[in-house]
């Protein structure tokens, strides 16, 4: 059974940093695009960052996080990371990892097939 699992969420003060990790079982990320989405209470799920498959590695970011967030992959560990710096209180949300066909701009949820359960990120002011 394919499982996508996120980790690394938590509570951080405004201006702080967190690194989220996404790994999968029974699924290799090598041939897939992987994205991070987030969803705050009462809001739609929005794309944050994505990276294309191994060998392409094109990355895209939501405008609001450019320069502060960085997505990367460790192919040996079958893991994708999201480094988040200078976090803001309004970025409090559940962060989801998803794997799909293509890292597009904008990131669209329907392009992603496999989803994790999410990890909570809370940024205090």
C-alpha atoms as a PDB file:
ATOM      1  CA  UNK A   1       0.000   0.000   0.000  1.00  0.00           C
ATOM      2  CA  UNK A   2       1.403   3.358  -1.017  1.00  0.00           C
ATOM      3  CA  UNK A   3       1.873   5.722   1.888  1.00  0.00           C
ATOM      4  CA  UNK A   4       3.135   9.260   1.784  1.00  0.00           C
ATOM      5  CA  UNK A   5       4.249  10.520   5.161  1.00  0.00           C
ATOM      6  CA  UNK A   6       5.128  14.038   6.244  1.00  0.00           C
ATOM      7  CA  UNK A   7       7.110  14.988   9.307  1.00  0.00           C
ATOM      8  CA  UNK A   8       8.812  17.988  10.825  1.00  0.00           C
ATOM      9  CA  UNK A   9       5.873  20.192  11.653  1.00  0.00           C
ATOM     10  CA  UNK A  10       5.522  21.920  14.974  1.00  0.00           C
ATOM     11  CA  UNK A  11       5.289  25.206  16.792  1.00  0.00           C
ATOM     12  CA  UNK A  12       7.695  27.989  15.916  1.00  0.00           C
ATOM     13  CA  UNK A  13       7.857  31.709  16.587  1.00  0.00           C
ATOM     14  CA  UNK A  14       7.445  34.217  13.826  1.00  0.00           C
ATOM     15  CA  UNK A  15      10.704  34.610  11.968  1.00  0.00           C
ATOM     16  CA  UNK A  16      11.765  31.088  12.811  1.00  0.00           C
ATOM     17  CA  UNK A  17      12.464  28.086  10.628  1.00  0.00           C
ATOM     18  CA  UNK A  18      11.229  24.564  10.136  1.00  0.00           C
ATOM     19  CA  UNK A  19      12.181  21.794   7.779  1.00  0.00           C
ATOM     20  CA  UNK A  20       9.478  19.442   6.633  1.00  0.00           C
ATOM     21  CA  UNK A  21      10.234  15.999   5.267  1.00  0.00           C
ATOM     22  CA  UNK A  22       8.190  13.805   2.969  1.00  0.00           C
ATOM     23  CA  UNK A  23       8.876  10.187   2.307  1.00  0.00           C
ATOM     24  CA  UNK A  24       6.914   7.315   0.833  1.00  0.00           C
ATOM     25  CA  UNK A  25       6.567   3.584   1.082  1.00  0.00           C
ATOM     26  CA  UNK A  26       5.866   1.381  -1.930  1.00  0.00           C
ATOM     27  CA  UNK A  27       6.461   4.441  -4.093  1.00  0.00           C
ATOM     28  CA  UNK A  28       9.597   5.991  -5.487  1.00  0.00           C
ATOM     29  CA  UNK A  29       9.715   9.710  -6.059  1.00  0.00           C
ATOM     30  CA  UNK A  30      12.300   9.365  -8.839  1.00  0.00           C
ATOM     31  CA  UNK A  31       9.809   9.573 -11.691  1.00  0.00           C
ATOM     32  CA  UNK A  32       7.322  11.859 -10.021  1.00  0.00           C
ATOM     33  CA  UNK A  33       6.845  15.487  -9.264  1.00  0.00           C
ATOM     34  CA  UNK A  34       6.463  16.191  -5.560  1.00  0.00           C
ATOM     35  CA  UNK A  35       4.737  19.202  -4.110  1.00  0.00           C
ATOM     36  CA  UNK A  36       3.926  20.784  -0.811  1.00  0.00           C
ATOM     37  CA  UNK A  37       0.500  22.258  -0.300  1.00  0.00           C
ATOM     38  CA  UNK A  38      -0.958  23.903   2.768  1.00  0.00           C
ATOM     39  CA  UNK A  39      -4.420  24.501   4.086  1.00  0.00           C
ATOM     40  CA  UNK A  40      -5.411  26.862   6.838  1.00  0.00           C
ATOM     41  CA  UNK A  41      -8.786  26.581   8.591  1.00  0.00           C
ATOM     42  CA  UNK A  42     -11.528  27.957   6.383  1.00  0.00           C
ATOM     43  CA  UNK A  43      -9.225  28.316   3.399  1.00  0.00           C
ATOM     44  CA  UNK A  44      -8.628  26.383   0.230  1.00  0.00           C
ATOM     45  CA  UNK A  45      -5.611  24.176  -0.165  1.00  0.00           C
ATOM     46  CA  UNK A  46      -2.857  26.096  -1.888  1.00  0.00           C
ATOM     47  CA  UNK A  47       0.351  25.025  -3.540  1.00  0.00           C
ATOM     48  CA  UNK A  48       3.528  26.156  -1.818  1.00  0.00           C
ATOM     49  CA  UNK A  49       6.377  24.536  -3.711  1.00  0.00           C
ATOM     50  CA  UNK A  50       7.014  21.672  -6.087  1.00  0.00           C
ATOM     51  CA  UNK A  51       9.884  19.881  -7.723  1.00  0.00           C
ATOM     52  CA  UNK A  52       9.923  17.802 -10.872  1.00  0.00           C
ATOM     53  CA  UNK A  53      11.221  14.284 -11.245  1.00  0.00           C
ATOM     54  CA  UNK A  54      14.799  13.169 -10.823  1.00  0.00           C
ATOM     55  CA  UNK A  55      16.955  14.455 -13.633  1.00  0.00           C
ATOM     56  CA  UNK A  56      14.733  17.466 -14.259  1.00  0.00           C
ATOM     57  CA  UNK A  57      14.406  18.910 -10.769  1.00  0.00           C
ATOM     58  CA  UNK A  58      12.655  22.049 -11.937  1.00  0.00           C
ATOM     59  CA  UNK A  59      11.266  23.848  -8.900  1.00  0.00           C
ATOM     60  CA  UNK A  60       8.385  26.265  -8.576  1.00  0.00           C
ATOM     61  CA  UNK A  61       7.165  28.328  -5.667  1.00  0.00           C
ATOM     62  CA  UNK A  62       4.135  30.269  -4.687  1.00  0.00           C
ATOM     63  CA  UNK A  63       4.905  33.959  -4.947  1.00  0.00           C
ATOM     64  CA  UNK A  64       4.352  34.442  -1.233  1.00  0.00           C
ATOM     65  CA  UNK A  65       7.166  32.070  -0.252  1.00  0.00           C
ATOM     66  CA  UNK A  66       9.810  32.820  -2.868  1.00  0.00           C
ATOM     67  CA  UNK A  67      13.126  33.577  -1.275  1.00  0.00           C
ATOM     68  CA  UNK A  68      12.090  32.075   2.063  1.00  0.00           C
ATOM     69  CA  UNK A  69      11.195  28.463   1.282  1.00  0.00           C
ATOM     70  CA  UNK A  70      13.293  25.904  -0.525  1.00  0.00           C
ATOM     71  CA  UNK A  71      12.244  22.495  -1.811  1.00  0.00           C
ATOM     72  CA  UNK A  72      14.815  19.797  -2.424  1.00  0.00           C
ATOM     73  CA  UNK A  73      15.041  16.062  -2.840  1.00  0.00           C
ATOM     74  CA  UNK A  74      17.376  13.357  -1.600  1.00  0.00           C
ATOM     75  CA  UNK A  75      16.970  10.576  -4.109  1.00  0.00           C
ATOM     76  CA  UNK A  76      18.953   8.069  -2.067  1.00  0.00           C
ATOM     77  CA  UNK A  77      16.547   8.535   0.834  1.00  0.00           C
ATOM     78  CA  UNK A  78      13.437   8.859  -1.339  1.00  0.00           C
ATOM     79  CA  UNK A  79      12.703  12.030   0.575  1.00  0.00           C
ATOM     80  CA  UNK A  80      11.657  15.532  -0.364  1.00  0.00           C
ATOM     81  CA  UNK A  81      12.251  18.428   1.975  1.00  0.00           C
ATOM     82  CA  UNK A  82      10.732  21.829   2.434  1.00  0.00           C
ATOM     83  CA  UNK A  83      12.977  24.272   4.245  1.00  0.00           C
ATOM     84  CA  UNK A  84      10.895  27.150   5.563  1.00  0.00           C
ATOM     85  CA  UNK A  85      12.592  30.264   6.853  1.00  0.00           C
ATOM     86  CA  UNK A  86      11.257  33.584   8.129  1.00  0.00           C
ATOM     87  CA  UNK A  87       7.908  32.018   8.893  1.00  0.00           C
ATOM     88  CA  UNK A  88       4.894  34.234   9.427  1.00  0.00           C
ATOM     89  CA  UNK A  89       1.844  33.689  11.651  1.00  0.00           C
ATOM     90  CA  UNK A  90      -0.486  33.583   8.659  1.00  0.00           C
ATOM     91  CA  UNK A  91       1.425  30.564   7.393  1.00  0.00           C
ATOM     92  CA  UNK A  92      -0.054  28.487  10.155  1.00  0.00           C
ATOM     93  CA  UNK A  93      -1.663  25.561   8.386  1.00  0.00           C
ATOM     94  CA  UNK A  94      -1.580  21.864   7.776  1.00  0.00           C
ATOM     95  CA  UNK A  95       1.135  21.160   5.254  1.00  0.00           C
ATOM     96  CA  UNK A  96       0.601  18.298   2.852  1.00  0.00           C
ATOM     97  CA  UNK A  97       3.032  16.445   0.638  1.00  0.00           C
ATOM     98  CA  UNK A  98       1.771  15.102  -2.656  1.00  0.00           C
ATOM     99  CA  UNK A  99       3.268  13.191  -5.573  1.00  0.00           C
ATOM    100  CA  UNK A 100       2.046  13.485  -9.119  1.00  0.00           C
ATOM    101  CA  UNK A 101       2.857  13.943 -12.762  1.00  0.00           C
ATOM    102  CA  UNK A 102       4.175  17.448 -13.156  1.00  0.00           C
ATOM    103  CA  UNK A 103       5.290  20.452 -11.195  1.00  0.00           C
ATOM    104  CA  UNK A 104       3.238  23.156 -12.825  1.00  0.00           C
ATOM    105  CA  UNK A 105       2.689  26.826 -12.213  1.00  0.00           C
ATOM    106  CA  UNK A 106       0.291  27.276 -10.561  1.00  0.00           C
ATOM    107  CA  UNK A 107       0.273  24.035  -8.609  1.00  0.00           C
ATOM    108  CA  UNK A 108      -3.070  22.297  -8.932  1.00  0.00           C
ATOM    109  CA  UNK A 109      -4.308  19.658  -6.550  1.00  0.00           C
ATOM    110  CA  UNK A 110      -5.842  17.502  -9.285  1.00  0.00           C
ATOM    111  CA  UNK A 111      -2.409  16.903 -10.803  1.00  0.00           C
ATOM    112  CA  UNK A 112      -1.303  15.004  -7.701  1.00  0.00           C
ATOM    113  CA  UNK A 113      -2.205  11.386  -7.168  1.00  0.00           C
ATOM    114  CA  UNK A 114      -0.696  10.439  -3.834  1.00  0.00           C
ATOM    115  CA  UNK A 115      -1.218  12.512  -0.722  1.00  0.00           C
ATOM    116  CA  UNK A 116      -0.008  12.379   2.839  1.00  0.00           C
ATOM    117  CA  UNK A 117      -2.093  13.062   5.913  1.00  0.00           C
ATOM    118  CA  UNK A 118      -0.418  16.373   6.598  1.00  0.00           C
ATOM    119  CA  UNK A 119       1.679  17.867   9.337  1.00  0.00           C
ATOM    120  CA  UNK A 120       0.645  20.845  11.430  1.00  0.00           C
ATOM    121  CA  UNK A 121       2.751  23.981  11.314  1.00  0.00           C
ATOM    122  CA  UNK A 122       1.895  26.668  13.835  1.00  0.00           C
ATOM    123  CA  UNK A 123       3.646  30.016  13.757  1.00  0.00           C
ATOM    124  CA  UNK A 124       3.148  32.155  16.843  1.00  0.00           C
ATOM    125  CA  UNK A 125       3.353  35.923  16.811  1.00  0.00           C
END
